[in-house]
Amino acid sequence: MAAILCLASYGVGLWLGSYVQDKRSMASFKVDIPDGTTVKVFRDLGGDGPFRYDPSKPLFTLTSDRRLITKSGVYDFVIEPGKDYQVNVVRKTVNTSVRSVAINPAFSQSKLATELAAEKGGILGALFTRLGKAPIYYAVDKLALFEQGEWAGVTLKPKSAKFDPARFVLNKKGGSWRVVNEPSILVIGSLNKSVPPGVVASVNSL
């Protein structure tokens, strides 16, 4: 009988130890999502490719900011497509030290095109104020917005073979546009660390 009680106590001890360990590994964090979006949260399954989760098994479905409590690990936050946002998968590693996760889906191309029509004057005004006499020697070739419309890329085409083409990145803060980089044929990410890598790549693709 004593042996049975000892084994039972040992089993309870193991269970309690495992329970306490699980509790200690639970992450508690707030997820911020843009208004009007739906975000599904999946456990990341690893492996290669853009879809590293089982679409049939969402752990959470968010329609507003919310605090989540879940095991530490890697999760895929999937923004469902809407009229203003692209389909986007944001992969995040969460643990007990993570307090918040921000999900910022990029605007759809149609939304960015609408925004560009309203922002074009401000973007070019800021650029040519910075460059001074550049319009004499250059013409605007391409202009585009990225992310949620707060980043812009502009390419200038020289009017003379004496000059090289130039690319610029602009950022909108506090309602005003400002030029981020020095004139260059390609935007160098290591020299412009404040610019998101995706924006650097997109501007260089213009």
N, C-alpha and C. Protein backbone atom coordinates (compact mmCIF):
# COMPACT_ATOMS: atom_id res chain seq x y z
N MET A 1 0.83 -1.20 0.00
CA MET A 1 0.00 0.00 0.00
C MET A 1 0.87 1.26 0.00
N ALA A 2 1.91 1.21 0.84
CA ALA A 2 2.83 2.35 0.91
C ALA A 2 3.50 2.59 -0.44
N ALA A 3 3.84 1.48 -1.11
CA ALA A 3 4.48 1.60 -2.42
C ALA A 3 3.54 2.26 -3.43
N ILE A 4 2.25 1.89 -3.38
CA ILE A 4 1.25 2.46 -4.28
C ILE A 4 1.10 3.96 -4.03
N LEU A 5 1.03 4.34 -2.73
CA LEU A 5 0.91 5.75 -2.38
C LEU A 5 2.13 6.55 -2.83
N CYS A 6 3.30 5.92 -2.71
CA CYS A 6 4.54 6.57 -3.12
C CYS A 6 4.54 6.83 -4.63
N LEU A 7 4.12 5.80 -5.39
CA LEU A 7 4.05 5.94 -6.84
C LEU A 7 3.04 7.01 -7.24
N ALA A 8 1.89 7.02 -6.52
CA ALA A 8 0.86 8.00 -6.82
C ALA A 8 1.37 9.41 -6.55
N SER A 9 2.07 9.58 -5.43
CA SER A 9 2.62 10.89 -5.09
C SER A 9 3.65 11.33 -6.11
N TYR A 10 4.45 10.35 -6.56
CA TYR A 10 5.48 10.64 -7.56
C TYR A 10 4.83 11.11 -8.87
N GLY A 11 3.72 10.42 -9.25
CA GLY A 11 3.02 10.79 -10.48
C GLY A 11 2.42 12.18 -10.38
N VAL A 12 1.82 12.51 -9.22
CA VAL A 12 1.25 13.85 -9.02
C VAL A 12 2.34 14.90 -9.07
N GLY A 13 3.49 14.57 -8.48
CA GLY A 13 4.60 15.50 -8.49
C GLY A 13 5.08 15.79 -9.90
N LEU A 14 5.17 14.74 -10.72
CA LEU A 14 5.57 14.95 -12.11
C LEU A 14 4.57 15.83 -12.85
N TRP A 15 3.28 15.55 -12.63
CA TRP A 15 2.24 16.31 -13.31
C TRP A 15 2.29 17.78 -12.90
N LEU A 16 2.44 18.02 -11.56
CA LEU A 16 2.52 19.40 -11.09
C LEU A 16 3.74 20.12 -11.65
N GLY A 17 4.86 19.39 -11.70
CA GLY A 17 6.08 19.98 -12.25
C GLY A 17 5.90 20.35 -13.70
N SER A 18 5.26 19.46 -14.47
CA SER A 18 5.01 19.73 -15.88
C SER A 18 4.06 20.90 -16.04
N TYR A 19 3.02 20.95 -15.17
CA TYR A 19 2.03 22.03 -15.23
C TYR A 19 2.69 23.38 -14.96
N VAL A 20 3.52 23.43 -13.92
CA VAL A 20 4.21 24.67 -13.58
C VAL A 20 5.13 25.11 -14.71
N GLN A 21 5.84 24.13 -15.30
CA GLN A 21 6.74 24.44 -16.41
C GLN A 21 5.98 24.99 -17.61
N ASP A 22 4.79 24.39 -17.91
CA ASP A 22 3.97 24.88 -19.01
C ASP A 22 3.50 26.31 -18.76
N LYS A 23 3.09 26.57 -17.50
CA LYS A 23 2.62 27.91 -17.15
C LYS A 23 3.73 28.94 -17.34
N ARG A 24 4.95 28.55 -16.95
CA ARG A 24 6.08 29.47 -17.08
C ARG A 24 6.42 29.76 -18.53
N SER A 25 6.11 28.84 -19.44
CA SER A 25 6.45 29.02 -20.85
C SER A 25 5.33 29.70 -21.64
N MET A 26 4.22 30.04 -20.98
CA MET A 26 3.11 30.68 -21.67
C MET A 26 3.43 32.15 -21.93
N ALA A 27 3.17 32.60 -23.15
CA ALA A 27 3.37 34.00 -23.52
C ALA A 27 2.04 34.74 -23.41
N SER A 28 2.10 35.94 -22.86
CA SER A 28 0.92 36.80 -22.76
C SER A 28 1.25 38.12 -23.42
N PHE A 29 0.55 38.46 -24.50
CA PHE A 29 0.91 39.65 -25.27
C PHE A 29 -0.33 40.22 -25.95
N LYS A 30 -0.27 41.51 -26.24
CA LYS A 30 -1.37 42.18 -26.94
C LYS A 30 -1.07 42.23 -28.43
N VAL A 31 -2.07 41.91 -29.24
CA VAL A 31 -1.94 41.98 -30.69
C VAL A 31 -2.70 43.20 -31.19
N ASP A 32 -2.00 44.08 -31.90
CA ASP A 32 -2.61 45.28 -32.48
C ASP A 32 -2.82 45.06 -33.97
N ILE A 33 -4.05 45.22 -34.42
CA ILE A 33 -4.35 45.08 -35.85
C ILE A 33 -5.09 46.33 -36.33
N PRO A 34 -4.99 46.65 -37.61
CA PRO A 34 -5.70 47.83 -38.13
C PRO A 34 -7.22 47.63 -38.07
N ASP A 35 -7.92 48.74 -37.95
CA ASP A 35 -9.39 48.69 -37.95
C ASP A 35 -9.90 48.07 -39.25
N GLY A 36 -10.94 47.28 -39.13
CA GLY A 36 -11.58 46.73 -40.31
C GLY A 36 -10.92 45.51 -40.90
N THR A 37 -9.94 44.93 -40.19
CA THR A 37 -9.27 43.74 -40.71
C THR A 37 -9.61 42.53 -39.85
N THR A 38 -9.46 41.36 -40.46
CA THR A 38 -9.59 40.09 -39.73
C THR A 38 -8.25 39.37 -39.82
N VAL A 39 -7.73 38.97 -38.67
CA VAL A 39 -6.44 38.29 -38.61
C VAL A 39 -6.63 36.94 -37.94
N LYS A 40 -6.19 35.88 -38.62
CA LYS A 40 -6.22 34.54 -38.03
C LYS A 40 -4.81 34.15 -37.59
N VAL A 41 -4.74 33.50 -36.45
CA VAL A 41 -3.45 33.13 -35.87
C VAL A 41 -3.28 31.62 -35.93
N PHE A 42 -2.15 31.18 -36.51
CA PHE A 42 -1.86 29.75 -36.65
C PHE A 42 -0.49 29.44 -36.04
N ARG A 43 -0.34 28.23 -35.56
CA ARG A 43 0.98 27.79 -35.13
C ARG A 43 1.81 27.49 -36.38
N ASP A 44 3.02 28.03 -36.42
CA ASP A 44 3.89 27.81 -37.56
C ASP A 44 4.43 26.38 -37.53
N LEU A 45 4.35 25.69 -38.67
CA LEU A 45 4.73 24.28 -38.74
C LEU A 45 6.16 24.07 -39.22
N GLY A 46 6.86 25.17 -39.54
CA GLY A 46 8.22 25.04 -40.04
C GLY A 46 8.23 24.64 -41.50
N GLY A 47 9.41 24.36 -42.02
CA GLY A 47 9.54 23.97 -43.41
C GLY A 47 9.69 25.16 -44.33
N ASP A 48 9.68 24.89 -45.63
CA ASP A 48 9.88 25.93 -46.63
C ASP A 48 8.56 26.39 -47.22
N GLY A 49 8.62 27.47 -47.96
CA GLY A 49 7.44 27.95 -48.66
C GLY A 49 6.70 29.02 -47.87
N PRO A 50 5.79 29.74 -48.54
CA PRO A 50 5.08 30.85 -47.89
C PRO A 50 4.01 30.40 -46.90
N PHE A 51 3.47 29.18 -47.07
CA PHE A 51 2.40 28.71 -46.20
C PHE A 51 2.94 27.63 -45.28
N ARG A 52 3.27 28.04 -44.07
CA ARG A 52 3.83 27.09 -43.10
C ARG A 52 2.85 26.88 -41.96
N TYR A 53 1.57 26.77 -42.30
CA TYR A 53 0.54 26.56 -41.29
C TYR A 53 -0.60 25.78 -41.92
N ASP A 54 -1.45 25.22 -41.08
CA ASP A 54 -2.61 24.48 -41.56
C ASP A 54 -3.80 25.43 -41.60
N PRO A 55 -4.26 25.85 -42.79
CA PRO A 55 -5.34 26.83 -42.89
C PRO A 55 -6.64 26.41 -42.22
N SER A 56 -6.80 25.10 -41.99
CA SER A 56 -8.05 24.61 -41.38
C SER A 56 -8.01 24.66 -39.85
N LYS A 57 -6.87 25.08 -39.27
CA LYS A 57 -6.75 25.03 -37.81
C LYS A 57 -6.27 26.36 -37.21
N PRO A 58 -7.06 27.41 -37.35
CA PRO A 58 -6.67 28.66 -36.69
C PRO A 58 -6.81 28.53 -35.17
N LEU A 59 -5.86 29.10 -34.44
CA LEU A 59 -5.93 29.10 -32.98
C LEU A 59 -6.80 30.24 -32.47
N PHE A 60 -6.73 31.37 -33.16
CA PHE A 60 -7.50 32.55 -32.79
C PHE A 60 -7.94 33.27 -34.06
N THR A 61 -9.08 33.93 -33.98
CA THR A 61 -9.54 34.81 -35.05
C THR A 61 -9.78 36.19 -34.44
N LEU A 62 -9.04 37.19 -34.91
CA LEU A 62 -9.09 38.53 -34.33
C LEU A 62 -9.78 39.50 -35.28
N THR A 63 -10.69 40.29 -34.76
CA THR A 63 -11.31 41.36 -35.53
C THR A 63 -11.05 42.72 -34.89
N SER A 64 -10.33 42.72 -33.77
CA SER A 64 -9.93 43.95 -33.09
C SER A 64 -8.70 43.63 -32.23
N ASP A 65 -8.09 44.65 -31.65
CA ASP A 65 -6.95 44.43 -30.77
C ASP A 65 -7.35 43.50 -29.62
N ARG A 66 -6.43 42.61 -29.25
CA ARG A 66 -6.80 41.62 -28.23
C ARG A 66 -5.55 41.06 -27.56
N ARG A 67 -5.67 40.71 -26.28
CA ARG A 67 -4.57 40.06 -25.56
C ARG A 67 -4.70 38.55 -25.72
N LEU A 68 -3.60 37.90 -26.07
CA LEU A 68 -3.57 36.46 -26.25
C LEU A 68 -2.66 35.82 -25.20
N ILE A 69 -3.03 34.64 -24.77
CA ILE A 69 -2.18 33.83 -23.90
C ILE A 69 -2.01 32.48 -24.58
N THR A 70 -0.79 32.14 -24.94
CA THR A 70 -0.53 30.90 -25.66
C THR A 70 0.90 30.45 -25.39
N LYS A 71 1.24 29.25 -25.81
CA LYS A 71 2.58 28.74 -25.59
C LYS A 71 3.60 29.54 -26.39
N SER A 72 4.79 29.67 -25.83
CA SER A 72 5.88 30.32 -26.56
C SER A 72 6.17 29.53 -27.83
N GLY A 73 6.51 30.24 -28.89
CA GLY A 73 6.81 29.57 -30.15
C GLY A 73 6.66 30.50 -31.33
N VAL A 74 6.61 29.93 -32.52
CA VAL A 74 6.49 30.71 -33.76
C VAL A 74 5.06 30.61 -34.27
N TYR A 75 4.49 31.76 -34.61
CA TYR A 75 3.10 31.80 -35.07
C TYR A 75 3.00 32.60 -36.36
N ASP A 76 2.02 32.21 -37.19
CA ASP A 76 1.73 32.93 -38.42
C ASP A 76 0.44 33.72 -38.23
N PHE A 77 0.53 35.03 -38.40
CA PHE A 77 -0.62 35.92 -38.32
C PHE A 77 -1.04 36.22 -39.75
N VAL A 78 -2.21 35.73 -40.14
CA VAL A 78 -2.65 35.79 -41.53
C VAL A 78 -3.76 36.83 -41.67
N ILE A 79 -3.48 37.87 -42.45
CA ILE A 79 -4.46 38.92 -42.69
C ILE A 79 -5.33 38.51 -43.86
N GLU A 80 -6.61 38.34 -43.62
CA GLU A 80 -7.50 37.95 -44.70
C GLU A 80 -7.69 39.11 -45.67
N PRO A 81 -7.81 38.81 -46.96
CA PRO A 81 -7.89 39.88 -47.96
C PRO A 81 -9.15 40.72 -47.80
N GLY A 82 -8.99 42.00 -48.01
CA GLY A 82 -10.11 42.93 -47.99
C GLY A 82 -9.91 43.96 -49.07
N LYS A 83 -10.78 44.91 -49.17
CA LYS A 83 -10.69 45.88 -50.25
C LYS A 83 -9.50 46.82 -50.10
N ASP A 84 -8.99 46.96 -48.87
CA ASP A 84 -7.90 47.92 -48.65
C ASP A 84 -6.55 47.28 -48.36
N TYR A 85 -6.52 45.95 -48.17
CA TYR A 85 -5.27 45.30 -47.76
C TYR A 85 -4.90 44.13 -48.65
N GLN A 86 -3.61 43.90 -48.79
CA GLN A 86 -3.12 42.73 -49.50
C GLN A 86 -3.20 41.51 -48.58
N VAL A 87 -3.25 40.32 -49.19
CA VAL A 87 -3.09 39.11 -48.39
C VAL A 87 -1.66 39.13 -47.86
N ASN A 88 -1.51 38.88 -46.59
CA ASN A 88 -0.18 39.01 -46.00
C ASN A 88 -0.04 38.02 -44.85
N VAL A 89 1.12 37.39 -44.76
CA VAL A 89 1.41 36.49 -43.65
C VAL A 89 2.56 37.09 -42.86
N VAL A 90 2.31 37.38 -41.60
CA VAL A 90 3.34 37.93 -40.73
C VAL A 90 3.76 36.84 -39.75
N ARG A 91 5.03 36.47 -39.81
CA ARG A 91 5.55 35.41 -38.93
C ARG A 91 6.21 36.04 -37.71
N LYS A 92 5.77 35.65 -36.52
CA LYS A 92 6.30 36.23 -35.29
C LYS A 92 6.69 35.12 -34.31
N THR A 93 7.80 35.34 -33.62
CA THR A 93 8.20 34.46 -32.52
C THR A 93 7.79 35.13 -31.21
N VAL A 94 7.01 34.45 -30.41
CA VAL A 94 6.56 35.02 -29.14
C VAL A 94 7.09 34.18 -27.99
N ASN A 95 7.40 34.85 -26.89
CA ASN A 95 7.85 34.17 -25.67
C ASN A 95 7.44 35.01 -24.48
N THR A 96 7.91 34.64 -23.31
CA THR A 96 7.46 35.32 -22.10
C THR A 96 7.93 36.76 -22.01
N SER A 97 8.89 37.15 -22.82
CA SER A 97 9.39 38.53 -22.77
C SER A 97 8.67 39.44 -23.77
N VAL A 98 7.87 38.87 -24.66
CA VAL A 98 7.13 39.66 -25.66
C VAL A 98 5.87 40.23 -25.02
N ARG A 99 5.69 41.54 -25.15
CA ARG A 99 4.52 42.19 -24.54
C ARG A 99 3.49 42.62 -25.58
N SER A 100 3.93 42.84 -26.81
CA SER A 100 2.98 43.27 -27.85
C SER A 100 3.47 42.84 -29.22
N VAL A 101 2.52 42.64 -30.12
CA VAL A 101 2.81 42.29 -31.51
C VAL A 101 1.95 43.19 -32.39
N ALA A 102 2.58 43.92 -33.29
CA ALA A 102 1.85 44.81 -34.20
C ALA A 102 1.76 44.17 -35.59
N ILE A 103 0.56 44.05 -36.10
CA ILE A 103 0.33 43.51 -37.43
C ILE A 103 -0.05 44.67 -38.35
N ASN A 104 0.81 44.97 -39.31
CA ASN A 104 0.61 46.13 -40.18
C ASN A 104 0.57 45.69 -41.65
N PRO A 105 -0.55 45.21 -42.12
CA PRO A 105 -0.63 44.76 -43.51
C PRO A 105 -0.49 45.91 -44.49
N ALA A 106 0.14 45.63 -45.62
CA ALA A 106 0.29 46.65 -46.66
C ALA A 106 -1.05 46.90 -47.34
N PHE A 107 -1.24 48.13 -47.79
CA PHE A 107 -2.44 48.46 -48.56
C PHE A 107 -2.43 47.71 -49.89
N SER A 108 -3.61 47.47 -50.42
CA SER A 108 -3.73 46.87 -51.75
C SER A 108 -3.24 47.87 -52.79
N GLN A 109 -2.94 47.37 -53.99
CA GLN A 109 -2.45 48.24 -55.05
C GLN A 109 -3.50 49.30 -55.43
N SER A 110 -4.76 48.91 -55.41
CA SER A 110 -5.81 49.89 -55.76
C SER A 110 -5.91 50.99 -54.71
N LYS A 111 -5.75 50.62 -53.43
CA LYS A 111 -5.78 51.60 -52.36
C LYS A 111 -4.58 52.54 -52.46
N LEU A 112 -3.40 51.98 -52.73
CA LEU A 112 -2.19 52.80 -52.87
C LEU A 112 -2.30 53.76 -54.05
N ALA A 113 -2.92 53.29 -55.14
CA ALA A 113 -3.10 54.15 -56.31
C ALA A 113 -4.00 55.34 -55.98
N THR A 114 -5.04 55.09 -55.20
CA THR A 114 -5.93 56.18 -54.78
C THR A 114 -5.20 57.16 -53.88
N GLU A 115 -4.40 56.63 -52.95
CA GLU A 115 -3.62 57.48 -52.05
C GLU A 115 -2.61 58.32 -52.83
N LEU A 116 -1.99 57.71 -53.85
CA LEU A 116 -0.96 58.41 -54.62
C LEU A 116 -1.53 59.64 -55.32
N ALA A 117 -2.73 59.53 -55.82
CA ALA A 117 -3.35 60.67 -56.50
C ALA A 117 -3.44 61.89 -55.58
N ALA A 118 -3.67 61.63 -54.29
CA ALA A 118 -3.79 62.73 -53.33
C ALA A 118 -2.43 63.20 -52.82
N GLU A 119 -1.44 62.32 -52.83
CA GLU A 119 -0.14 62.64 -52.22
C GLU A 119 0.92 63.09 -53.22
N LYS A 120 0.66 62.94 -54.51
CA LYS A 120 1.69 63.20 -55.53
C LYS A 120 2.29 64.61 -55.41
N GLY A 121 1.45 65.61 -55.25
CA GLY A 121 1.94 66.98 -55.16
C GLY A 121 2.87 67.20 -53.97
N GLY A 122 2.50 66.65 -52.83
CA GLY A 122 3.33 66.80 -51.64
C GLY A 122 4.65 66.09 -51.76
N ILE A 123 4.64 64.90 -52.39
CA ILE A 123 5.87 64.12 -52.58
C ILE A 123 6.85 64.86 -53.48
N LEU A 124 6.38 65.29 -54.64
CA LEU A 124 7.27 65.97 -55.58
C LEU A 124 7.70 67.33 -55.06
N GLY A 125 6.83 68.00 -54.33
CA GLY A 125 7.19 69.28 -53.73
C GLY A 125 8.34 69.13 -52.74
N ALA A 126 8.26 68.10 -51.88
CA ALA A 126 9.33 67.85 -50.91
C ALA A 126 10.62 67.47 -51.61
N LEU A 127 10.51 66.64 -52.67
CA LEU A 127 11.70 66.19 -53.38
C LEU A 127 12.42 67.36 -54.06
N PHE A 128 11.68 68.19 -54.80
CA PHE A 128 12.33 69.26 -55.55
C PHE A 128 12.75 70.42 -54.65
N THR A 129 12.11 70.56 -53.49
CA THR A 129 12.61 71.53 -52.51
C THR A 129 13.98 71.11 -52.01
N ARG A 130 14.13 69.81 -51.79
CA ARG A 130 15.42 69.27 -51.34
C ARG A 130 16.49 69.37 -52.43
N LEU A 131 16.11 69.15 -53.69
CA LEU A 131 17.09 69.07 -54.76
C LEU A 131 17.37 70.40 -55.46
N GLY A 132 16.56 71.40 -55.21
CA GLY A 132 16.82 72.70 -55.81
C GLY A 132 16.56 72.72 -57.30
N LYS A 133 17.61 72.83 -58.10
CA LYS A 133 17.48 72.98 -59.55
C LYS A 133 17.33 71.67 -60.31
N ALA A 134 17.11 70.58 -59.61
CA ALA A 134 17.02 69.28 -60.26
C ALA A 134 16.02 69.23 -61.42
N PRO A 135 14.85 69.87 -61.33
CA PRO A 135 13.89 69.80 -62.45
C PRO A 135 14.46 70.29 -63.78
N ILE A 136 15.50 71.11 -63.72
CA ILE A 136 16.11 71.59 -64.95
C ILE A 136 16.82 70.46 -65.68
N TYR A 137 17.39 69.54 -64.88
CA TYR A 137 18.22 68.48 -65.44
C TYR A 137 17.54 67.10 -65.46
N TYR A 138 16.44 66.98 -64.71
CA TYR A 138 15.80 65.67 -64.57
C TYR A 138 14.29 65.77 -64.82
N ALA A 139 13.72 64.66 -65.23
CA ALA A 139 12.26 64.53 -65.34
C ALA A 139 11.82 63.35 -64.48
N VAL A 140 10.64 63.46 -63.91
CA VAL A 140 10.11 62.35 -63.11
C VAL A 140 9.80 61.18 -64.02
N ASP A 141 10.33 60.03 -63.67
CA ASP A 141 10.10 58.82 -64.48
C ASP A 141 8.99 57.98 -63.85
N LYS A 142 9.20 57.55 -62.61
CA LYS A 142 8.21 56.71 -61.92
C LYS A 142 8.00 57.19 -60.49
N LEU A 143 6.80 56.97 -59.99
CA LEU A 143 6.43 57.39 -58.65
C LEU A 143 5.46 56.38 -58.08
N ALA A 144 5.70 55.90 -56.86
CA ALA A 144 4.82 54.88 -56.27
C ALA A 144 4.81 55.01 -54.76
N LEU A 145 3.71 54.53 -54.15
CA LEU A 145 3.60 54.45 -52.70
C LEU A 145 3.73 53.00 -52.26
N PHE A 146 4.17 52.79 -51.02
CA PHE A 146 4.35 51.45 -50.48
C PHE A 146 3.83 51.37 -49.04
N GLU A 147 3.77 50.12 -48.56
CA GLU A 147 3.31 49.83 -47.19
C GLU A 147 1.89 50.36 -47.01
N GLN A 148 1.68 51.27 -46.05
CA GLN A 148 0.35 51.84 -45.84
C GLN A 148 0.29 53.29 -46.33
N GLY A 149 1.06 53.55 -47.39
CA GLY A 149 1.05 54.87 -48.00
C GLY A 149 1.97 55.87 -47.34
N GLU A 150 2.75 55.43 -46.35
CA GLU A 150 3.65 56.35 -45.66
C GLU A 150 5.06 56.38 -46.25
N TRP A 151 5.32 55.48 -47.21
CA TRP A 151 6.61 55.43 -47.91
C TRP A 151 6.37 55.64 -49.40
N ALA A 152 7.26 56.42 -50.02
CA ALA A 152 7.16 56.68 -51.44
C ALA A 152 8.51 56.46 -52.12
N GLY A 153 8.47 56.04 -53.37
CA GLY A 153 9.67 55.90 -54.17
C GLY A 153 9.53 56.72 -55.44
N VAL A 154 10.60 57.40 -55.81
CA VAL A 154 10.59 58.23 -57.02
C VAL A 154 11.86 57.94 -57.82
N THR A 155 11.72 57.76 -59.12
CA THR A 155 12.89 57.66 -60.00
C THR A 155 12.91 58.88 -60.90
N LEU A 156 14.10 59.44 -61.07
CA LEU A 156 14.29 60.59 -61.95
C LEU A 156 15.13 60.18 -63.15
N LYS A 157 14.71 60.64 -64.32
CA LYS A 157 15.41 60.33 -65.57
C LYS A 157 16.15 61.58 -66.03
N PRO A 158 17.48 61.47 -66.29
CA PRO A 158 18.24 62.66 -66.69
C PRO A 158 17.85 63.13 -68.10
N LYS A 159 17.85 64.43 -68.27
CA LYS A 159 17.56 65.00 -69.59
C LYS A 159 18.80 65.04 -70.47
N SER A 160 19.94 64.77 -69.85
CA SER A 160 21.20 64.77 -70.59
C SER A 160 21.98 63.51 -70.24
N ALA A 161 22.74 62.98 -71.19
CA ALA A 161 23.55 61.78 -70.95
C ALA A 161 24.68 62.04 -69.98
N LYS A 162 24.90 63.30 -69.62
CA LYS A 162 25.96 63.62 -68.67
C LYS A 162 25.62 63.20 -67.25
N PHE A 163 24.33 62.97 -66.99
CA PHE A 163 23.89 62.66 -65.63
C PHE A 163 23.37 61.22 -65.54
N ASP A 164 23.47 60.66 -64.33
CA ASP A 164 22.94 59.32 -64.06
C ASP A 164 21.50 59.41 -63.59
N PRO A 165 20.72 58.36 -63.82
CA PRO A 165 19.37 58.33 -63.22
C PRO A 165 19.49 58.27 -61.69
N ALA A 166 18.44 58.61 -61.01
CA ALA A 166 18.49 58.64 -59.54
C ALA A 166 17.20 58.10 -58.94
N ARG A 167 17.36 57.47 -57.80
CA ARG A 167 16.21 56.95 -57.04
C ARG A 167 16.16 57.63 -55.68
N PHE A 168 14.93 57.84 -55.21
CA PHE A 168 14.74 58.48 -53.91
C PHE A 168 13.65 57.75 -53.11
N VAL A 169 13.85 57.73 -51.82
CA VAL A 169 12.84 57.23 -50.88
C VAL A 169 12.37 58.41 -50.05
N LEU A 170 11.06 58.54 -49.91
CA LEU A 170 10.49 59.58 -49.04
C LEU A 170 9.60 58.93 -48.00
N ASN A 171 9.51 59.57 -46.85
CA ASN A 171 8.70 59.07 -45.74
C ASN A 171 7.79 60.19 -45.24
N LYS A 172 6.54 59.85 -44.96
CA LYS A 172 5.60 60.85 -44.46
C LYS A 172 5.45 60.72 -42.95
N LYS A 173 5.76 61.79 -42.25
CA LYS A 173 5.59 61.84 -40.79
C LYS A 173 4.98 63.18 -40.40
N GLY A 174 4.03 63.12 -39.48
CA GLY A 174 3.40 64.35 -39.03
C GLY A 174 2.75 65.14 -40.13
N GLY A 175 2.29 64.44 -41.17
CA GLY A 175 1.59 65.10 -42.26
C GLY A 175 2.49 65.68 -43.34
N SER A 176 3.82 65.52 -43.20
CA SER A 176 4.76 66.09 -44.18
C SER A 176 5.67 65.02 -44.75
N TRP A 177 6.02 65.17 -46.02
CA TRP A 177 6.95 64.26 -46.67
C TRP A 177 8.37 64.78 -46.54
N ARG A 178 9.32 63.85 -46.37
CA ARG A 178 10.73 64.22 -46.33
C ARG A 178 11.54 63.18 -47.09
N VAL A 179 12.61 63.65 -47.73
CA VAL A 179 13.50 62.76 -48.47
C VAL A 179 14.41 62.06 -47.47
N VAL A 180 14.53 60.73 -47.62
CA VAL A 180 15.30 59.93 -46.65
C VAL A 180 16.74 59.70 -47.11
N ASN A 181 16.96 59.51 -48.41
CA ASN A 181 18.29 59.10 -48.88
C ASN A 181 18.94 60.16 -49.76
N GLU A 182 20.23 60.00 -49.95
CA GLU A 182 20.96 60.84 -50.90
C GLU A 182 20.72 60.30 -52.31
N PRO A 183 20.87 61.15 -53.35
CA PRO A 183 20.66 60.67 -54.73
C PRO A 183 21.54 59.47 -55.04
N SER A 184 20.96 58.44 -55.62
CA SER A 184 21.73 57.23 -55.95
C SER A 184 21.03 56.46 -57.05
N ILE A 185 21.83 55.70 -57.81
CA ILE A 185 21.26 54.86 -58.86
C ILE A 185 20.41 53.76 -58.25
N LEU A 186 20.89 53.18 -57.14
CA LEU A 186 20.14 52.19 -56.36
C LEU A 186 20.16 52.62 -54.91
N VAL A 187 19.07 52.33 -54.19
CA VAL A 187 19.00 52.62 -52.76
C VAL A 187 19.73 51.50 -52.02
N ILE A 188 20.69 51.88 -51.19
CA ILE A 188 21.48 50.91 -50.43
C ILE A 188 20.89 50.77 -49.03
N GLY A 189 20.41 49.57 -48.71
CA GLY A 189 19.75 49.36 -47.43
C GLY A 189 20.65 49.65 -46.24
N SER A 190 21.92 49.26 -46.31
CA SER A 190 22.83 49.44 -45.18
C SER A 190 23.11 50.92 -44.90
N LEU A 191 22.91 51.78 -45.89
CA LEU A 191 23.11 53.22 -45.71
C LEU A 191 21.81 53.93 -45.34
N ASN A 192 20.71 53.20 -45.38
CA ASN A 192 19.39 53.79 -45.07
C ASN A 192 18.62 52.83 -44.17
N LYS A 193 19.14 52.64 -42.96
CA LYS A 193 18.61 51.62 -42.07
C LYS A 193 17.21 51.93 -41.55
N SER A 194 16.79 53.18 -41.67
CA SER A 194 15.44 53.52 -41.22
C SER A 194 14.37 53.08 -42.22
N VAL A 195 14.80 52.71 -43.42
CA VAL A 195 13.84 52.31 -44.46
C VAL A 195 13.63 50.80 -44.40
N PRO A 196 12.38 50.33 -44.32
CA PRO A 196 12.13 48.88 -44.30
C PRO A 196 12.74 48.19 -45.51
N PRO A 197 13.33 47.01 -45.33
CA PRO A 197 13.97 46.29 -46.46
C PRO A 197 13.03 46.10 -47.64
N GLY A 198 11.76 45.84 -47.37
CA GLY A 198 10.80 45.64 -48.45
C GLY A 198 10.62 46.90 -49.29
N VAL A 199 10.68 48.06 -48.64
CA VAL A 199 10.56 49.32 -49.36
C VAL A 199 11.79 49.56 -50.22
N VAL A 200 12.97 49.26 -49.66
CA VAL A 200 14.21 49.40 -50.43
C VAL A 200 14.13 48.56 -51.72
N ALA A 201 13.70 47.30 -51.56
CA ALA A 201 13.60 46.41 -52.72
C ALA A 201 12.58 46.93 -53.74
N SER A 202 11.46 47.43 -53.25
CA SER A 202 10.42 47.91 -54.16
C SER A 202 10.87 49.15 -54.92
N VAL A 203 11.54 50.07 -54.23
CA VAL A 203 12.02 51.28 -54.92
C VAL A 203 13.07 50.91 -55.95
N ASN A 204 13.94 49.98 -55.63
CA ASN A 204 14.96 49.56 -56.59
C ASN A 204 14.37 48.82 -57.79
N SER A 205 13.12 48.37 -57.65
CA SER A 205 12.45 47.66 -58.75
C SER A 205 11.65 48.58 -59.66
N LEU A 206 11.55 49.85 -59.26
CA LEU A 206 10.78 50.79 -60.08
C LEU A 206 11.44 50.98 -61.45
